[in-house]
PDB file of N, CA and C in Angstrom:
ATOM      1  N   UNK A   1       8.132  29.350 -13.956  1.00  0.00           N
ATOM      2  CA  UNK A   1       7.673  28.047 -14.346  1.00  0.00           C
ATOM      3  C   UNK A   1       6.311  27.656 -15.192  1.00  0.00           C
ATOM      4  N   UNK A   2       6.131  28.887 -15.212  1.00  0.00           N
ATOM      5  CA  UNK A   2       4.695  29.646 -16.084  1.00  0.00           C
ATOM      6  C   UNK A   2       5.239  29.183 -17.447  1.00  0.00           C
ATOM      7  N   UNK A   3       6.520  29.842 -17.722  1.00  0.00           N
ATOM      8  CA  UNK A   3       7.018  29.467 -19.338  1.00  0.00           C
ATOM      9  C   UNK A   3       7.747  28.036 -19.892  1.00  0.00           C
ATOM     10  N   UNK A   4       7.472  27.531 -18.508  1.00  0.00           N
ATOM     11  CA  UNK A   4       7.518  25.791 -18.802  1.00  0.00           C
ATOM     12  C   UNK A   4       6.766  25.071 -19.192  1.00  0.00           C
ATOM     13  N   UNK A   5       5.470  25.528 -18.545  1.00  0.00           N
ATOM     14  CA  UNK A   5       4.088  25.305 -18.849  1.00  0.00           C
ATOM     15  C   UNK A   5       3.766  25.469 -20.152  1.00  0.00           C
ATOM     16  N   UNK A   6       4.033  26.849 -20.519  1.00  0.00           N
ATOM     17  CA  UNK A   6       3.211  26.882 -22.190  1.00  0.00           C
ATOM     18  C   UNK A   6       4.227  26.456 -23.075  1.00  0.00           C
ATOM     19  N   UNK A   7       5.301  26.207 -22.329  1.00  0.00           N
ATOM     20  CA  UNK A   7       5.885  25.390 -23.844  1.00  0.00           C
ATOM     21  C   UNK A   7       5.518  23.871 -24.071  1.00  0.00           C
ATOM     22  N   UNK A   8       5.611  23.037 -22.776  1.00  0.00           N
ATOM     23  CA  UNK A   8       5.592  22.163 -22.601  1.00  0.00           C
ATOM     24  C   UNK A   8       3.678  21.544 -23.611  1.00  0.00           C
ATOM     25  N   UNK A   9       3.341  22.603 -23.374  1.00  0.00           N
ATOM     26  CA  UNK A   9       1.789  22.909 -23.817  1.00  0.00           C
ATOM     27  C   UNK A   9       1.932  22.588 -25.083  1.00  0.00           C
ATOM     28  N   UNK A  10       2.730  23.558 -25.491  1.00  0.00           N
ATOM     29  CA  UNK A  10       2.617  23.767 -26.900  1.00  0.00           C
ATOM     30  C   UNK A  10       3.347  22.491 -27.713  1.00  0.00           C
ATOM     31  N   UNK A  11       4.476  21.936 -27.158  1.00  0.00           N
ATOM     32  CA  UNK A  11       4.924  20.686 -27.758  1.00  0.00           C
ATOM     33  C   UNK A  11       3.322  20.076 -27.892  1.00  0.00           C
ATOM     34  N   UNK A  12       2.982  19.368 -26.375  1.00  0.00           N
ATOM     35  CA  UNK A  12       2.121  18.828 -26.945  1.00  0.00           C
ATOM     36  C   UNK A  12       0.694  18.504 -27.970  1.00  0.00           C
ATOM     37  N   UNK A  13       0.805  20.290 -28.166  1.00  0.00           N
ATOM     38  CA  UNK A  13      -0.554  20.653 -28.836  1.00  0.00           C
ATOM     39  C   UNK A  13       0.032  20.232 -30.379  1.00  0.00           C
ATOM     40  N   UNK A  14       1.397  20.543 -31.020  1.00  0.00           N
ATOM     41  CA  UNK A  14       1.885  20.197 -31.849  1.00  0.00           C
ATOM     42  C   UNK A  14       1.769  18.851 -32.256  1.00  0.00           C
ATOM     43  N   UNK A  15       1.941  18.126 -31.342  1.00  0.00           N
ATOM     44  CA  UNK A  15       2.281  16.453 -31.669  1.00  0.00           C
ATOM     45  C   UNK A  15       0.682  15.859 -31.531  1.00  0.00           C
ATOM     46  N   UNK A  16      -0.213  16.525 -30.807  1.00  0.00           N
ATOM     47  CA  UNK A  16      -1.881  15.804 -31.237  1.00  0.00           C
ATOM     48  C   UNK A  16      -2.171  16.106 -32.660  1.00  0.00           C
ATOM     49  N   UNK A  17      -2.075  17.441 -32.833  1.00  0.00           N
ATOM     50  CA  UNK A  17      -2.510  18.310 -33.936  1.00  0.00           C
ATOM     51  C   UNK A  17      -1.868  16.703 -35.333  1.00  0.00           C
ATOM     52  N   UNK A  18      -0.598  17.332 -35.504  1.00  0.00           N
ATOM     53  CA  UNK A  18       0.379  15.826 -36.228  1.00  0.00           C
ATOM     54  C   UNK A  18      -0.478  14.829 -36.283  1.00  0.00           C
ATOM     55  N   UNK A  19      -0.588  14.064 -34.745  1.00  0.00           N
ATOM     56  CA  UNK A  19      -1.243  12.993 -35.009  1.00  0.00           C
ATOM     57  C   UNK A  19      -2.676  13.103 -35.495  1.00  0.00           C
ATOM     58  N   UNK A  20      -3.165  13.600 -35.522  1.00  0.00           N
ATOM     59  CA  UNK A  20      -4.709  14.104 -35.379  1.00  0.00           C
ATOM     60  C   UNK A  20      -4.751  14.044 -37.600  1.00  0.00           C
ATOM     61  N   UNK A  21      -3.919  14.664 -37.846  1.00  0.00           N
ATOM     62  CA  UNK A  21      -3.415  14.578 -39.137  1.00  0.00           C
ATOM     63  C   UNK A  21      -3.145  13.850 -40.074  1.00  0.00           C
ATOM     64  N   UNK A  22      -2.816  12.829 -39.511  1.00  0.00           N
ATOM     65  CA  UNK A  22      -1.552  11.509 -39.758  1.00  0.00           C
ATOM     66  C   UNK A  22      -3.273  10.350 -39.979  1.00  0.00           C
ATOM     67  N   UNK A  23      -3.764  10.405 -38.729  1.00  0.00           N
ATOM     68  CA  UNK A  23      -5.034   9.325 -38.512  1.00  0.00           C
ATOM     69  C   UNK A  23      -6.485   9.962 -39.192  1.00  0.00           C
ATOM     70  N   UNK A  24      -6.590  10.607 -40.002  1.00  0.00           N
ATOM     71  CA  UNK A  24      -7.910  11.330 -39.932  1.00  0.00           C
ATOM     72  C   UNK A  24      -8.464  10.352 -41.160  1.00  0.00           C
ATOM     73  N   UNK A  25      -7.425  10.156 -42.026  1.00  0.00           N
ATOM     74  CA  UNK A  25      -8.239   8.955 -43.390  1.00  0.00           C
ATOM     75  C   UNK A  25      -8.547   7.951 -42.151  1.00  0.00           C
ATOM     76  N   UNK A  26      -7.946   7.250 -41.454  1.00  0.00           N
ATOM     77  CA  UNK A  26      -7.704   5.946 -41.236  1.00  0.00           C
ATOM     78  C   UNK A  26      -9.136   5.940 -39.772  1.00  0.00           C
ATOM     79  N   UNK A  27      -8.894   7.090 -38.825  1.00  0.00           N
ATOM     80  CA  UNK A  27     -10.180   7.111 -37.891  1.00  0.00           C
ATOM     81  C   UNK A  27     -10.513   8.092 -37.325  1.00  0.00           C
ATOM     82  N   UNK A  28     -11.338   9.233 -38.384  1.00  0.00           N
ATOM     83  CA  UNK A  28     -11.787  10.408 -37.978  1.00  0.00           C
ATOM     84  C   UNK A  28     -11.939  10.832 -36.716  1.00  0.00           C
ATOM     85  N   UNK A  29     -12.895   9.788 -35.993  1.00  0.00           N
ATOM     86  CA  UNK A  29     -13.094   9.940 -34.832  1.00  0.00           C
ATOM     87  C   UNK A  29     -12.093  10.296 -33.501  1.00  0.00           C
ATOM     88  N   UNK A  30     -11.098   9.014 -33.781  1.00  0.00           N
ATOM     89  CA  UNK A  30      -9.628   9.370 -33.184  1.00  0.00           C
ATOM     90  C   UNK A  30      -9.229  10.823 -33.247  1.00  0.00           C
ATOM     91  N   UNK A  31      -9.331  11.210 -34.427  1.00  0.00           N
ATOM     92  CA  UNK A  31      -8.315  12.611 -35.069  1.00  0.00           C
ATOM     93  C   UNK A  31      -9.560  13.552 -34.412  1.00  0.00           C
ATOM     94  N   UNK A  32     -10.434  13.290 -34.359  1.00  0.00           N
ATOM     95  CA  UNK A  32     -11.286  14.748 -33.587  1.00  0.00           C
ATOM     96  C   UNK A  32     -10.540  14.377 -31.993  1.00  0.00           C
ATOM     97  N   UNK A  33     -10.623  13.441 -31.447  1.00  0.00           N
ATOM     98  CA  UNK A  33     -10.770  13.303 -30.168  1.00  0.00           C
ATOM     99  C   UNK A  33      -8.744  13.806 -29.921  1.00  0.00           C
ATOM    100  N   UNK A  34      -7.780  13.853 -30.898  1.00  0.00           N
ATOM    101  CA  UNK A  34      -7.016  14.249 -30.679  1.00  0.00           C
ATOM    102  C   UNK A  34      -7.090  15.791 -30.617  1.00  0.00           C
ATOM    103  N   UNK A  35      -7.699  16.168 -31.481  1.00  0.00           N
ATOM    104  CA  UNK A  35      -7.806  18.042 -31.206  1.00  0.00           C
ATOM    105  C   UNK A  35      -8.596  18.139 -30.000  1.00  0.00           C
ATOM    106  N   UNK A  36      -9.734  17.782 -29.790  1.00  0.00           N
ATOM    107  CA  UNK A  36     -10.105  18.249 -27.775  1.00  0.00           C
ATOM    108  C   UNK A  36      -9.221  17.932 -26.998  1.00  0.00           C
ATOM    109  N   UNK A  37      -8.473  17.103 -27.220  1.00  0.00           N
ATOM    110  CA  UNK A  37      -7.503  17.160 -26.314  1.00  0.00           C
ATOM    111  C   UNK A  37      -6.925  18.041 -26.544  1.00  0.00           C
ATOM    112  N   UNK A  38      -5.951  18.662 -27.750  1.00  0.00           N
ATOM    113  CA  UNK A  38      -5.368  19.790 -27.614  1.00  0.00           C
ATOM    114  C   UNK A  38      -5.703  21.410 -27.266  1.00  0.00           C
ATOM    115  N   UNK A  39      -7.097  21.187 -27.508  1.00  0.00           N
ATOM    116  CA  UNK A  39      -8.034  22.395 -27.136  1.00  0.00           C
ATOM    117  C   UNK A  39      -8.128  22.169 -25.616  1.00  0.00           C
ATOM    118  N   UNK A  40      -8.600  21.608 -24.626  1.00  0.00           N
ATOM    119  CA  UNK A  40      -8.259  21.488 -23.384  1.00  0.00           C
ATOM    120  C   UNK A  40      -7.245  21.678 -22.769  1.00  0.00           C
ATOM    121  N   UNK A  41      -5.765  21.359 -23.347  1.00  0.00           N
ATOM    122  CA  UNK A  41      -4.538  21.827 -23.148  1.00  0.00           C
ATOM    123  C   UNK A  41      -4.253  22.730 -23.039  1.00  0.00           C
ATOM    124  N   UNK A  42      -4.502  23.827 -24.496  1.00  0.00           N
ATOM    125  CA  UNK A  42      -4.222  24.803 -24.773  1.00  0.00           C
ATOM    126  C   UNK A  42      -5.341  25.716 -23.412  1.00  0.00           C
ATOM    127  N   UNK A  43      -6.375  25.234 -22.949  1.00  0.00           N
ATOM    128  CA  UNK A  43      -7.353  26.361 -22.568  1.00  0.00           C
ATOM    129  C   UNK A  43      -6.677  26.062 -20.283  1.00  0.00           C
ATOM    130  N   UNK A  44      -5.988  24.841 -20.531  1.00  0.00           N
ATOM    131  CA  UNK A  44      -5.335  24.283 -18.644  1.00  0.00           C
ATOM    132  C   UNK A  44      -4.439  24.992 -18.825  1.00  0.00           C
ATOM    133  N   UNK A  45      -3.571  25.266 -19.840  1.00  0.00           N
ATOM    134  CA  UNK A  45      -2.304  25.592 -19.659  1.00  0.00           C
ATOM    135  C   UNK A  45      -2.421  27.310 -20.045  1.00  0.00           C
ATOM    136  N   UNK A  46      -3.801  27.641 -19.751  1.00  0.00           N
ATOM    137  CA  UNK A  46      -4.030  29.828 -20.766  1.00  0.00           C
ATOM    138  C   UNK A  46      -3.118  29.955 -21.603  1.00  0.00           C
ATOM    139  N   UNK A  47      -3.217  29.221 -22.979  1.00  0.00           N
ATOM    140  CA  UNK A  47      -2.025  29.925 -23.838  1.00  0.00           C
ATOM    141  C   UNK A  47      -3.411  29.857 -25.392  1.00  0.00           C
ATOM    142  N   UNK A  48      -2.602  30.415 -25.896  1.00  0.00           N
ATOM    143  CA  UNK A  48      -3.518  30.954 -27.497  1.00  0.00           C
ATOM    144  C   UNK A  48      -3.138  29.592 -28.296  1.00  0.00           C
ATOM    145  N   UNK A  49      -3.984  28.800 -29.578  1.00  0.00           N
ATOM    146  CA  UNK A  49      -3.939  27.958 -30.360  1.00  0.00           C
ATOM    147  C   UNK A  49      -2.971  28.636 -31.399  1.00  0.00           C
ATOM    148  N   UNK A  50      -1.873  28.168 -32.125  1.00  0.00           N
ATOM    149  CA  UNK A  50      -1.032  28.955 -33.012  1.00  0.00           C
ATOM    150  C   UNK A  50      -2.094  29.249 -33.987  1.00  0.00           C
ATOM    151  N   UNK A  51      -1.836  29.884 -34.629  1.00  0.00           N
ATOM    152  CA  UNK A  51      -3.253  30.087 -35.885  1.00  0.00           C
ATOM    153  C   UNK A  51      -3.667  29.313 -36.722  1.00  0.00           C
ATOM    154  N   UNK A  52      -1.756  28.277 -37.738  1.00  0.00           N
ATOM    155  CA  UNK A  52      -2.611  27.454 -38.309  1.00  0.00           C
ATOM    156  C   UNK A  52      -3.130  26.463 -38.240  1.00  0.00           C
ATOM    157  N   UNK A  53      -3.315  26.041 -35.882  1.00  0.00           N
ATOM    158  CA  UNK A  53      -4.242  25.279 -36.327  1.00  0.00           C
ATOM    159  C   UNK A  53      -5.488  25.314 -35.456  1.00  0.00           C
ATOM    160  N   UNK A  54      -5.616  26.722 -35.401  1.00  0.00           N
ATOM    161  CA  UNK A  54      -7.461  27.136 -35.439  1.00  0.00           C
ATOM    162  C   UNK A  54      -7.788  27.312 -36.370  1.00  0.00           C
ATOM    163  N   UNK A  55      -7.135  27.467 -37.515  1.00  0.00           N
ATOM    164  CA  UNK A  55      -7.910  27.508 -38.772  1.00  0.00           C
ATOM    165  C   UNK A  55      -8.189  26.058 -39.025  1.00  0.00           C
ATOM    166  N   UNK A  56      -7.974  24.972 -38.738  1.00  0.00           N
ATOM    167  CA  UNK A  56      -8.060  23.831 -39.104  1.00  0.00           C
ATOM    168  C   UNK A  56      -9.177  22.890 -38.209  1.00  0.00           C
ATOM    169  N   UNK A  57      -9.985  24.186 -36.873  1.00  0.00           N
ATOM    170  CA  UNK A  57     -10.974  23.168 -36.434  1.00  0.00           C
ATOM    171  C   UNK A  57     -12.488  25.046 -37.166  1.00  0.00           C
ATOM    172  N   UNK A  58     -13.172  24.238 -36.920  1.00  0.00           N
ATOM    173  CA  UNK A  58     -14.463  24.735 -37.526  1.00  0.00           C
ATOM    174  C   UNK A  58     -14.684  25.647 -36.048  1.00  0.00           C
ATOM    175  N   UNK A  59     -14.613  26.923 -36.161  1.00  0.00           N
ATOM    176  CA  UNK A  59     -15.241  27.513 -35.302  1.00  0.00           C
ATOM    177  C   UNK A  59     -16.828  27.045 -34.588  1.00  0.00           C
ATOM    178  N   UNK A  60     -17.731  26.525 -35.302  1.00  0.00           N
ATOM    179  CA  UNK A  60     -18.874  26.994 -35.188  1.00  0.00           C
ATOM    180  C   UNK A  60     -18.961  25.355 -34.397  1.00  0.00           C
ATOM    181  N   UNK A  61     -18.890  23.813 -34.687  1.00  0.00           N
ATOM    182  CA  UNK A  61     -19.062  22.692 -34.351  1.00  0.00           C
ATOM    183  C   UNK A  61     -17.772  22.178 -33.923  1.00  0.00           C
ATOM    184  N   UNK A  62     -16.606  23.158 -33.546  1.00  0.00           N
ATOM    185  CA  UNK A  62     -15.185  22.240 -33.029  1.00  0.00           C
ATOM    186  C   UNK A  62     -14.784  21.702 -33.707  1.00  0.00           C
ATOM    187  N   UNK A  63     -15.333  20.638 -35.063  1.00  0.00           N
ATOM    188  CA  UNK A  63     -15.284  19.780 -35.715  1.00  0.00           C
ATOM    189  C   UNK A  63     -13.682  20.337 -36.821  1.00  0.00           C
ATOM    190  N   UNK A  64     -12.549  18.764 -36.488  1.00  0.00           N
ATOM    191  CA  UNK A  64     -11.278  18.905 -36.932  1.00  0.00           C
ATOM    192  C   UNK A  64     -11.465  19.057 -38.696  1.00  0.00           C
ATOM    193  N   UNK A  65     -10.857  19.806 -39.222  1.00  0.00           N
ATOM    194  CA  UNK A  65     -11.124  20.056 -40.641  1.00  0.00           C
ATOM    195  C   UNK A  65      -9.915  20.363 -41.296  1.00  0.00           C
ATOM    196  N   UNK A  66     -10.299  19.081 -42.833  1.00  0.00           N
ATOM    197  CA  UNK A  66      -9.255  18.708 -43.386  1.00  0.00           C
ATOM    198  C   UNK A  66      -9.030  19.806 -44.847  1.00  0.00           C
ATOM    199  N   UNK A  67      -8.807  20.799 -45.369  1.00  0.00           N
ATOM    200  CA  UNK A  67      -8.754  21.340 -46.775  1.00  0.00           C
ATOM    201  C   UNK A  67      -9.271  20.025 -47.824  1.00  0.00           C
ATOM    202  N   UNK A  68      -9.838  19.852 -48.580  1.00  0.00           N
ATOM    203  CA  UNK A  68     -10.558  18.650 -49.579  1.00  0.00           C
ATOM    204  C   UNK A  68     -11.293  17.291 -49.473  1.00  0.00           C
ATOM    205  N   UNK A  69     -10.970  17.217 -47.422  1.00  0.00           N
ATOM    206  CA  UNK A  69     -11.757  16.106 -47.220  1.00  0.00           C
ATOM    207  C   UNK A  69     -12.881  16.645 -46.982  1.00  0.00           C
ATOM    208  N   UNK A  70     -13.179  17.409 -45.278  1.00  0.00           N
ATOM    209  CA  UNK A  70     -14.555  17.838 -44.946  1.00  0.00           C
ATOM    210  C   UNK A  70     -14.616  19.305 -45.486  1.00  0.00           C
ATOM    211  N   UNK A  71     -14.034  20.185 -45.428  1.00  0.00           N
ATOM    212  CA  UNK A  71     -14.299  21.324 -46.198  1.00  0.00           C
ATOM    213  C   UNK A  71     -13.428  22.062 -48.001  1.00  0.00           C
ATOM    214  N   UNK A  72     -14.338  22.764 -48.070  1.00  0.00           N
ATOM    215  CA  UNK A  72     -13.698  23.825 -49.107  1.00  0.00           C
ATOM    216  C   UNK A  72     -13.588  24.818 -48.840  1.00  0.00           C
ATOM    217  N   UNK A  73     -12.175  25.526 -49.684  1.00  0.00           N
ATOM    218  CA  UNK A  73     -11.686  26.379 -49.330  1.00  0.00           C
ATOM    219  C   UNK A  73     -11.912  27.407 -50.567  1.00  0.00           C
ATOM    220  N   UNK A  74     -12.087  28.400 -50.786  1.00  0.00           N
ATOM    221  CA  UNK A  74     -12.604  29.350 -51.629  1.00  0.00           C
ATOM    222  C   UNK A  74     -11.717  31.075 -51.264  1.00  0.00           C
ATOM    223  N   UNK A  75     -11.603  31.198 -52.633  1.00  0.00           N
ATOM    224  CA  UNK A  75     -10.762  33.104 -52.389  1.00  0.00           C
ATOM    225  C   UNK A  75     -11.777  33.596 -53.251  1.00  0.00           C
ATOM    226  N   UNK A  76     -12.519  34.844 -52.285  1.00  0.00           N
ATOM    227  CA  UNK A  76     -13.189  35.273 -53.133  1.00  0.00           C
ATOM    228  C   UNK A  76     -12.542  36.828 -53.131  1.00  0.00           C
ATOM    229  N   UNK A  77     -13.078  37.871 -53.800  1.00  0.00           N
ATOM    230  CA  UNK A  77     -12.657  38.695 -54.707  1.00  0.00           C
ATOM    231  C   UNK A  77     -13.218  39.997 -54.000  1.00  0.00           C
ATOM    232  N   UNK A  78     -14.790  39.497 -53.583  1.00  0.00           N
ATOM    233  CA  UNK A  78     -15.209  41.430 -53.470  1.00  0.00           C
ATOM    234  C   UNK A  78     -15.196  41.780 -52.237  1.00  0.00           C
ATOM    235  N   UNK A  79     -15.550  43.015 -52.299  1.00  0.00           N
ATOM    236  CA  UNK A  79     -15.263  43.981 -51.202  1.00  0.00           C
ATOM    237  C   UNK A  79     -13.689  43.716 -51.191  1.00  0.00           C
ATOM    238  N   UNK A  80     -12.986  42.934 -49.654  1.00  0.00           N
ATOM    239  CA  UNK A  80     -11.874  42.906 -49.633  1.00  0.00           C
ATOM    240  C   UNK A  80     -11.287  41.355 -50.050  1.00  0.00           C
ATOM    241  N   UNK A  81     -10.063  41.580 -50.852  1.00  0.00           N
ATOM    242  CA  UNK A  81     -10.111  39.877 -50.856  1.00  0.00           C
ATOM    243  C   UNK A  81     -10.068  39.068 -49.443  1.00  0.00           C
ATOM    244  N   UNK A  82     -10.945  37.627 -49.759  1.00  0.00           N
ATOM    245  CA  UNK A  82     -10.760  36.732 -48.408  1.00  0.00           C
ATOM    246  C   UNK A  82     -10.860  35.458 -48.563  1.00  0.00           C
ATOM    247  N   UNK A  83     -10.230  35.083 -47.961  1.00  0.00           N
ATOM    248  CA  UNK A  83     -10.298  33.338 -48.002  1.00  0.00           C
ATOM    249  C   UNK A  83     -11.931  33.304 -47.525  1.00  0.00           C
ATOM    250  N   UNK A  84     -12.432  32.161 -47.997  1.00  0.00           N
ATOM    251  CA  UNK A  84     -13.815  31.122 -47.003  1.00  0.00           C
ATOM    252  C   UNK A  84     -13.413  29.829 -46.995  1.00  0.00           C
ATOM    253  N   UNK A  85     -13.485  29.541 -45.876  1.00  0.00           N
ATOM    254  CA  UNK A  85     -13.854  28.296 -45.651  1.00  0.00           C
ATOM    255  C   UNK A  85     -15.182  27.565 -45.142  1.00  0.00           C
ATOM    256  N   UNK A  86     -15.298  26.797 -46.021  1.00  0.00           N
ATOM    257  CA  UNK A  86     -16.816  26.197 -45.613  1.00  0.00           C
ATOM    258  C   UNK A  86     -16.420  25.146 -44.587  1.00  0.00           C
ATOM    259  N   UNK A  87     -17.289  24.825 -43.638  1.00  0.00           N
ATOM    260  CA  UNK A  87     -16.804  23.336 -43.104  1.00  0.00           C
ATOM    261  C   UNK A  87     -18.549  22.390 -43.220  1.00  0.00           C
ATOM    262  N   UNK A  88     -17.979  21.257 -43.993  1.00  0.00           N
ATOM    263  CA  UNK A  88     -18.991  20.138 -44.999  1.00  0.00           C
ATOM    264  C   UNK A  88     -19.928  19.381 -43.635  1.00  0.00           C
ATOM    265  N   UNK A  89     -19.431  19.737 -42.440  1.00  0.00           N
ATOM    266  CA  UNK A  89     -20.278  19.013 -41.637  1.00  0.00           C
ATOM    267  C   UNK A  89     -21.427  20.190 -40.904  1.00  0.00           C
ATOM    268  N   UNK A  90     -21.380  21.042 -41.238  1.00  0.00           N
ATOM    269  CA  UNK A  90     -22.455  22.243 -40.006  1.00  0.00           C
ATOM    270  C   UNK A  90     -22.401  22.955 -41.410  1.00  0.00           C
ATOM    271  N   UNK A  91     -21.603  23.080 -42.174  1.00  0.00           N
ATOM    272  CA  UNK A  91     -21.857  24.037 -43.201  1.00  0.00           C
ATOM    273  C   UNK A  91     -21.282  25.597 -42.960  1.00  0.00           C
ATOM    274  N   UNK A  92     -21.406  26.196 -41.729  1.00  0.00           N
ATOM    275  CA  UNK A  92     -20.675  27.188 -41.424  1.00  0.00           C
ATOM    276  C   UNK A  92     -19.845  27.658 -41.973  1.00  0.00           C
ATOM    277  N   UNK A  93     -19.567  28.707 -42.592  1.00  0.00           N
ATOM    278  CA  UNK A  93     -18.030  29.991 -43.533  1.00  0.00           C
ATOM    279  C   UNK A  93     -17.494  30.440 -42.568  1.00  0.00           C
ATOM    280  N   UNK A  94     -16.495  30.026 -42.695  1.00  0.00           N
ATOM    281  CA  UNK A  94     -15.002  31.067 -41.498  1.00  0.00           C
ATOM    282  C   UNK A  94     -14.830  32.069 -42.858  1.00  0.00           C
ATOM    283  N   UNK A  95     -14.706  33.262 -42.421  1.00  0.00           N
ATOM    284  CA  UNK A  95     -13.971  34.071 -43.836  1.00  0.00           C
ATOM    285  C   UNK A  95     -12.513  34.634 -43.177  1.00  0.00           C
ATOM    286  N   UNK A  96     -11.282  34.770 -43.776  1.00  0.00           N
ATOM    287  CA  UNK A  96     -10.152  34.994 -43.554  1.00  0.00           C
ATOM    288  C   UNK A  96      -9.679  36.052 -44.241  1.00  0.00           C
ATOM    289  N   UNK A  97      -9.709  37.519 -43.841  1.00  0.00           N
ATOM    290  CA  UNK A  97      -9.173  38.094 -45.267  1.00  0.00           C
ATOM    291  C   UNK A  97      -7.770  38.200 -45.557  1.00  0.00           C
ATOM    292  N   UNK A  98      -7.586  38.487 -46.255  1.00  0.00           N
ATOM    293  CA  UNK A  98      -5.832  38.386 -47.227  1.00  0.00           C
ATOM    294  C   UNK A  98      -5.437  39.779 -47.089  1.00  0.00           C
ATOM    295  N   UNK A  99      -4.511  39.793 -46.881  1.00  0.00           N
ATOM    296  CA  UNK A  99      -3.865  40.819 -46.665  1.00  0.00           C
ATOM    297  C   UNK A  99      -3.082  41.523 -48.023  1.00  0.00           C
ATOM    298  N   UNK A 100      -3.633  42.581 -48.300  1.00  0.00           N
ATOM    299  CA  UNK A 100      -2.959  43.151 -49.775  1.00  0.00           C
ATOM    300  C   UNK A 100      -1.454  43.321 -49.438  1.00  0.00           C
ATOM    301  N   UNK A 101      -0.527  43.703 -50.155  1.00  0.00           N
ATOM    302  CA  UNK A 101       0.674  44.289 -50.224  1.00  0.00           C
ATOM    303  C   UNK A 101       0.768  46.121 -50.653  1.00  0.00           C
ATOM    304  N   UNK A 102       1.336  46.263 -49.211  1.00  0.00           N
ATOM    305  CA  UNK A 102       1.272  48.068 -49.537  1.00  0.00           C
ATOM    306  C   UNK A 102       2.175  48.298 -50.376  1.00  0.00           C
ATOM    307  N   UNK A 103       1.628  49.655 -50.826  1.00  0.00           N
ATOM    308  CA  UNK A 103       2.634  50.430 -52.024  1.00  0.00           C
ATOM    309  C   UNK A 103       4.168  50.752 -51.551  1.00  0.00           C
ATOM    310  N   UNK A 104       4.943  50.812 -52.232  1.00  0.00           N
ATOM    311  CA  UNK A 104       5.906  51.482 -51.372  1.00  0.00           C
ATOM    312  C   UNK A 104       6.375  53.025 -51.584  1.00  0.00           C
ATOM    313  N   UNK A 105       6.593  53.426 -50.953  1.00  0.00           N
ATOM    314  CA  UNK A 105       6.962  54.917 -51.370  1.00  0.00           C
ATOM    315  C   UNK A 105       8.232  55.776 -51.944  1.00  0.00           C
ATOM    316  N   UNK A 106       8.069  56.059 -53.017  1.00  0.00           N
ATOM    317  CA  UNK A 106       9.644  56.462 -53.497  1.00  0.00           C
ATOM    318  C   UNK A 106       9.457  57.238 -53.995  1.00  0.00           C
TER     319      UNK A 106
END
């Protein structure tokens, strides 16, 4: 029973994010509504948003972000290599570490 709820929730979340991506250029407020619904479905079903969708939401203002439209994406090499996503709505920066390839032992 619980697995069925989570499976249905993930399907709906995928559909809502797909619709948000398609309608963002015509109606950004509708796309934001889709994302808010997807987040509420994930919380109600007690399931996590997949990483690919979690990165399309600003951690600070919770707005839907698309690279090149309302966010800026940069790769930084200082310290450890990481990806910096800057939300152009609120100015908040999200840092995502990039994993280095491990050297094989011979």
